[in-house]
C-alpha atoms as a PDB file:
ATOM      1  CA  MET A   1       6.227  11.680  13.012  1.00  0.00           C
ATOM      2  CA  GLN A   2       4.367  13.835  10.552  1.00  0.00           C
ATOM      3  CA  ALA A   3       0.567  14.034  10.603  1.00  0.00           C
ATOM      4  CA  LEU A   4      -0.972  12.285   7.597  1.00  0.00           C
ATOM      5  CA  ASN A   5      -4.240  12.570   5.698  1.00  0.00           C
ATOM      6  CA  PHE A   6      -5.560   9.410   7.306  1.00  0.00           C
ATOM      7  CA  PRO A   7      -7.600   9.109  10.476  1.00  0.00           C
ATOM      8  CA  THR A   8      -5.612   9.061  13.711  1.00  0.00           C
ATOM      9  CA  TYR A   9      -4.951   5.531  14.911  1.00  0.00           C
ATOM     10  CA  HIS A  10      -3.414   4.473  18.205  1.00  0.00           C
ATOM     11  CA  LEU A  11      -0.349   2.767  16.808  1.00  0.00           C
ATOM     12  CA  ASN A  12       1.981   0.927  19.164  1.00  0.00           C
ATOM     13  CA  ILE A  13       5.389   2.630  19.071  1.00  0.00           C
ATOM     14  CA  ARG A  14       8.389   1.788  21.222  1.00  0.00           C
ATOM     15  CA  VAL A  15      12.084   2.528  21.487  1.00  0.00           C
ATOM     16  CA  PHE A  16      14.251  -0.582  21.328  1.00  0.00           C
ATOM     17  CA  GLN A  17      18.045  -0.374  21.408  1.00  0.00           C
ATOM     18  CA  GLU A  18      17.760   3.383  20.898  1.00  0.00           C
ATOM     19  CA  LYS A  19      15.685   3.026  17.710  1.00  0.00           C
ATOM     20  CA  LYS A  20      11.982   3.703  17.252  1.00  0.00           C
ATOM     21  CA  GLN A  21       9.832   0.800  16.187  1.00  0.00           C
ATOM     22  CA  ILE A  22       6.173   0.438  15.288  1.00  0.00           C
ATOM     23  CA  PHE A  23       4.039  -2.669  15.743  1.00  0.00           C
ATOM     24  CA  ASP A  24       2.880  -4.126  12.443  1.00  0.00           C
ATOM     25  CA  ARG A  25      -0.566  -5.592  12.968  1.00  0.00           C
ATOM     26  CA  LEU A  26      -0.292  -7.855   9.930  1.00  0.00           C
ATOM     27  CA  ARG A  27       3.182  -9.269  10.480  1.00  0.00           C
ATOM     28  CA  LYS A  28       2.565  -9.318  14.264  1.00  0.00           C
ATOM     29  CA  LYS A  29       5.941  -7.844  15.135  1.00  0.00           C
ATOM     30  CA  PHE A  30       7.745  -4.561  15.709  1.00  0.00           C
ATOM     31  CA  VAL A  31       9.510  -3.092  12.677  1.00  0.00           C
ATOM     32  CA  ALA A  32      11.731  -0.032  12.235  1.00  0.00           C
ATOM     33  CA  LEU A  33       9.729   3.180  12.309  1.00  0.00           C
ATOM     34  CA  THR A  34      10.804   4.928   9.124  1.00  0.00           C
ATOM     35  CA  PRO A  35       8.761   7.667   7.445  1.00  0.00           C
ATOM     36  CA  GLU A  36       7.698   5.180   4.757  1.00  0.00           C
ATOM     37  CA  GLU A  37       6.667   2.615   7.392  1.00  0.00           C
ATOM     38  CA  TRP A  38       4.643   5.334   9.149  1.00  0.00           C
ATOM     39  CA  VAL A  39       2.668   5.804   5.917  1.00  0.00           C
ATOM     40  CA  ARG A  40       2.373   2.050   5.285  1.00  0.00           C
ATOM     41  CA  GLN A  41       0.973   1.343   8.755  1.00  0.00           C
ATOM     42  CA  HIS A  42      -1.562   4.162   8.462  1.00  0.00           C
ATOM     43  CA  LEU A  43      -2.670   2.868   5.078  1.00  0.00           C
ATOM     44  CA  VAL A  44      -3.026  -0.673   6.432  1.00  0.00           C
ATOM     45  CA  TRP A  45      -5.170   0.550   9.321  1.00  0.00           C
ATOM     46  CA  TYR A  46      -7.241   2.700   6.938  1.00  0.00           C
ATOM     47  CA  LEU A  47      -7.863  -0.211   4.583  1.00  0.00           C
ATOM     48  CA  ILE A  48      -8.914  -2.495   7.433  1.00  0.00           C
ATOM     49  CA  GLU A  49     -10.798  -0.104   9.707  1.00  0.00           C
ATOM     50  CA  GLU A  50     -12.436   2.272   7.246  1.00  0.00           C
ATOM     51  CA  LEU A  51     -12.678   0.355   3.983  1.00  0.00           C
ATOM     52  CA  LYS A  52     -13.290  -3.102   5.498  1.00  0.00           C
ATOM     53  CA  TYR A  53     -10.427  -4.944   3.815  1.00  0.00           C
ATOM     54  CA  PRO A  54      -9.970  -8.369   5.442  1.00  0.00           C
ATOM     55  CA  GLU A  55      -6.659  -8.528   7.317  1.00  0.00           C
ATOM     56  CA  GLY A  56      -5.954 -12.025   6.042  1.00  0.00           C
ATOM     57  CA  LEU A  57      -6.104 -10.872   2.402  1.00  0.00           C
ATOM     58  CA  ILE A  58      -3.484  -8.121   2.745  1.00  0.00           C
ATOM     59  CA  LYS A  59       0.178  -8.945   2.215  1.00  0.00           C
ATOM     60  CA  LEU A  60       3.012  -6.547   3.015  1.00  0.00           C
ATOM     61  CA  GLU A  61       6.284  -6.485   1.101  1.00  0.00           C
ATOM     62  CA  HIS A  62       5.026  -8.988  -1.443  1.00  0.00           C
ATOM     63  CA  SER A  63       7.978 -10.306  -3.504  1.00  0.00           C
ATOM     64  CA  PHE A  64       7.912 -11.168  -7.187  1.00  0.00           C
ATOM     65  CA  ILE A  65      10.123 -10.997 -10.295  1.00  0.00           C
ATOM     66  CA  VAL A  66       9.967  -8.120 -12.808  1.00  0.00           C
ATOM     67  CA  ASN A  67      12.368  -8.200 -15.765  1.00  0.00           C
ATOM     68  CA  ASN A  68      14.569 -10.796 -14.011  1.00  0.00           C
ATOM     69  CA  ASN A  69      14.808  -8.606 -10.886  1.00  0.00           C
ATOM     70  CA  LYS A  70      13.334  -9.490  -7.518  1.00  0.00           C
ATOM     71  CA  VAL A  71      11.146  -6.610  -6.319  1.00  0.00           C
ATOM     72  CA  ARG A  72       8.813  -6.012  -3.390  1.00  0.00           C
ATOM     73  CA  SER A  73       5.591  -4.090  -3.476  1.00  0.00           C
ATOM     74  CA  ASP A  74       4.560  -2.421  -0.235  1.00  0.00           C
ATOM     75  CA  ILE A  75       1.045  -3.816  -0.119  1.00  0.00           C
ATOM     76  CA  VAL A  76      -0.898  -6.283  -2.237  1.00  0.00           C
ATOM     77  CA  VAL A  77      -4.548  -7.012  -1.502  1.00  0.00           C
ATOM     78  CA  PHE A  78      -6.024 -10.301  -2.690  1.00  0.00           C
ATOM     79  CA  SER A  79      -9.551 -11.357  -3.528  1.00  0.00           C
ATOM     80  CA  THR A  80     -11.142 -14.275  -1.715  1.00  0.00           C
ATOM     81  CA  ASP A  81     -10.036 -16.498  -4.613  1.00  0.00           C
ATOM     82  CA  ALA A  82      -6.378 -15.432  -4.063  1.00  0.00           C
ATOM     83  CA  LYS A  83      -6.076 -13.107  -7.056  1.00  0.00           C
ATOM     84  CA  PRO A  84      -4.302  -9.772  -6.507  1.00  0.00           C
ATOM     85  CA  VAL A  85      -6.809  -6.916  -6.825  1.00  0.00           C
ATOM     86  CA  LEU A  86      -4.964  -3.870  -5.445  1.00  0.00           C
ATOM     87  CA  LEU A  87      -1.287  -2.973  -5.388  1.00  0.00           C
ATOM     88  CA  ALA A  88      -0.168  -0.074  -3.194  1.00  0.00           C
ATOM     89  CA  GLU A  89       3.164   1.694  -3.058  1.00  0.00           C
ATOM     90  CA  CYS A  90       3.949   3.870  -0.056  1.00  0.00           C
ATOM     91  CA  LYS A  91       6.455   6.681   0.017  1.00  0.00           C
ATOM     92  CA  ALA A  92       7.650   8.900   2.853  1.00  0.00           C
ATOM     93  CA  PRO A  93       5.574  12.064   3.320  1.00  0.00           C
ATOM     94  CA  ASN A  94       8.391  14.260   1.997  1.00  0.00           C
ATOM     95  CA  ILE A  95       8.570  12.340  -1.288  1.00  0.00           C
ATOM     96  CA  LYS A  96       6.465  13.827  -4.060  1.00  0.00           C
ATOM     97  CA  ILE A  97       4.354  11.241  -5.806  1.00  0.00           C
ATOM     98  CA  GLY A  98       3.776  11.457  -9.504  1.00  0.00           C
ATOM     99  CA  ASN A  99       4.794   9.831 -12.756  1.00  0.00           C
ATOM    100  CA  ASN A 100       7.939   8.080 -11.464  1.00  0.00           C
ATOM    101  CA  THR A 101       6.088   6.445  -8.592  1.00  0.00           C
ATOM    102  CA  LEU A 102       3.140   5.544 -10.798  1.00  0.00           C
ATOM    103  CA  GLN A 103       5.524   4.023 -13.351  1.00  0.00           C
ATOM    104  CA  GLN A 104       7.159   1.952 -10.603  1.00  0.00           C
ATOM    105  CA  ALA A 105       3.767   0.553  -9.575  1.00  0.00           C
ATOM    106  CA  GLY A 106       2.888   0.056 -13.240  1.00  0.00           C
ATOM    107  CA  ARG A 107       6.029  -2.034 -13.773  1.00  0.00           C
ATOM    108  CA  TYR A 108       5.090  -4.165 -10.783  1.00  0.00           C
ATOM    109  CA  ASN A 109       1.586  -4.493 -12.144  1.00  0.00           C
ATOM    110  CA  ILE A 110       2.877  -6.087 -15.326  1.00  0.00           C
ATOM    111  CA  VAL A 111       3.296  -9.161 -13.126  1.00  0.00           C
ATOM    112  CA  THR A 112       0.534  -8.788 -10.519  1.00  0.00           C
ATOM    113  CA  LYS A 113      -2.162  -7.545 -12.945  1.00  0.00           C
ATOM    114  CA  THR A 114      -4.218  -5.903 -10.211  1.00  0.00           C
ATOM    115  CA  LYS A 115      -7.340  -3.975 -11.104  1.00  0.00           C
ATOM    116  CA  TYR A 116      -6.330  -1.051  -8.859  1.00  0.00           C
ATOM    117  CA  LEU A 117      -3.039   0.763  -8.308  1.00  0.00           C
ATOM    118  CA  LEU A 118      -2.603   3.055  -5.324  1.00  0.00           C
ATOM    119  CA  ILE A 119       0.300   5.387  -4.654  1.00  0.00           C
ATOM    120  CA  THR A 120       0.470   7.336  -1.403  1.00  0.00           C
ATOM    121  CA  ASN A 121       2.849   9.419   0.633  1.00  0.00           C
ATOM    122  CA  GLY A 122       0.255   9.780   3.376  1.00  0.00           C
ATOM    123  CA  ILE A 123      -0.506  13.310   2.263  1.00  0.00           C
ATOM    124  CA  LYS A 124      -1.632  12.629  -1.290  1.00  0.00           C
ATOM    125  CA  ASN A 125      -3.183   9.480  -2.738  1.00  0.00           C
ATOM    126  CA  ILE A 126      -3.293   8.598  -6.407  1.00  0.00           C
ATOM    127  CA  CYS A 127      -5.532   5.669  -7.203  1.00  0.00           C
ATOM    128  CA  CYS A 128      -6.393   4.304 -10.614  1.00  0.00           C
ATOM    129  CA  LYS A 129      -8.443   1.486 -12.038  1.00  0.00           C
ATOM    130  CA  ILE A 130      -6.986  -0.536 -14.886  1.00  0.00           C
ATOM    131  CA  ASP A 131      -9.028  -2.285 -17.542  1.00  0.00           C
ATOM    132  CA  PHE A 132      -6.723  -4.905 -19.025  1.00  0.00           C
ATOM    133  CA  LYS A 133      -9.161  -5.703 -21.847  1.00  0.00           C
ATOM    134  CA  THR A 134      -9.168  -2.169 -23.248  1.00  0.00           C
ATOM    135  CA  GLY A 135      -5.855  -0.964 -21.811  1.00  0.00           C
ATOM    136  CA  SER A 136      -7.574   2.048 -20.280  1.00  0.00           C
ATOM    137  CA  ILE A 137      -6.609   3.651 -16.992  1.00  0.00           C
ATOM    138  CA  THR A 138      -9.161   5.640 -15.001  1.00  0.00           C
ATOM    139  CA  PHE A 139      -8.103   7.751 -12.041  1.00  0.00           C
ATOM    140  CA  VAL A 140     -10.545   7.474  -9.156  1.00  0.00           C
ATOM    141  CA  LYS A 141     -11.055  10.073  -6.436  1.00  0.00           C
ATOM    142  CA  GLU A 142     -11.299   7.666  -3.502  1.00  0.00           C
ATOM    143  CA  ILE A 143      -9.618   4.429  -2.552  1.00  0.00           C
ATOM    144  CA  PRO A 144     -12.324   1.810  -3.183  1.00  0.00           C
ATOM    145  CA  ASP A 145     -13.752  -0.141  -0.287  1.00  0.00           C
ATOM    146  CA  TYR A 146     -13.130  -3.876  -0.354  1.00  0.00           C
ATOM    147  CA  GLN A 147     -16.632  -4.724  -1.638  1.00  0.00           C
ATOM    148  CA  SER A 148     -16.025  -2.496  -4.684  1.00  0.00           C
ATOM    149  CA  LEU A 149     -12.891  -4.335  -5.743  1.00  0.00           C
END
């Protein structure tokens, strides 16, 4: 798999029935190793190991309804009082991230109302802070650590 702009982690990868799988530390099971999953697992490890996000407050493939359609966000991080505070969308490294991806996360955020949106393809991260009172969006250079949320 492609090298990403995250630290190197020793991820558990296996071949099962001729298909590569990666162990998901949050769901506690092996899942298909796709390029998008490669990015998602690196982001999860980065959030936990580097930015001190509590494992128990991170949910993968969080389902909800947007405009009468069931959708799934890649990652939603919750506060200790169970409110969503960060929504992350992961794309494969070969997918350019930009307005379309940000709009997708923005549509999801109509429902989740997280303070932070993060889009990553493992090479480039776009993170923004949303002020729902003023409607302003501020792009931030770094993914915030958990204490800053």
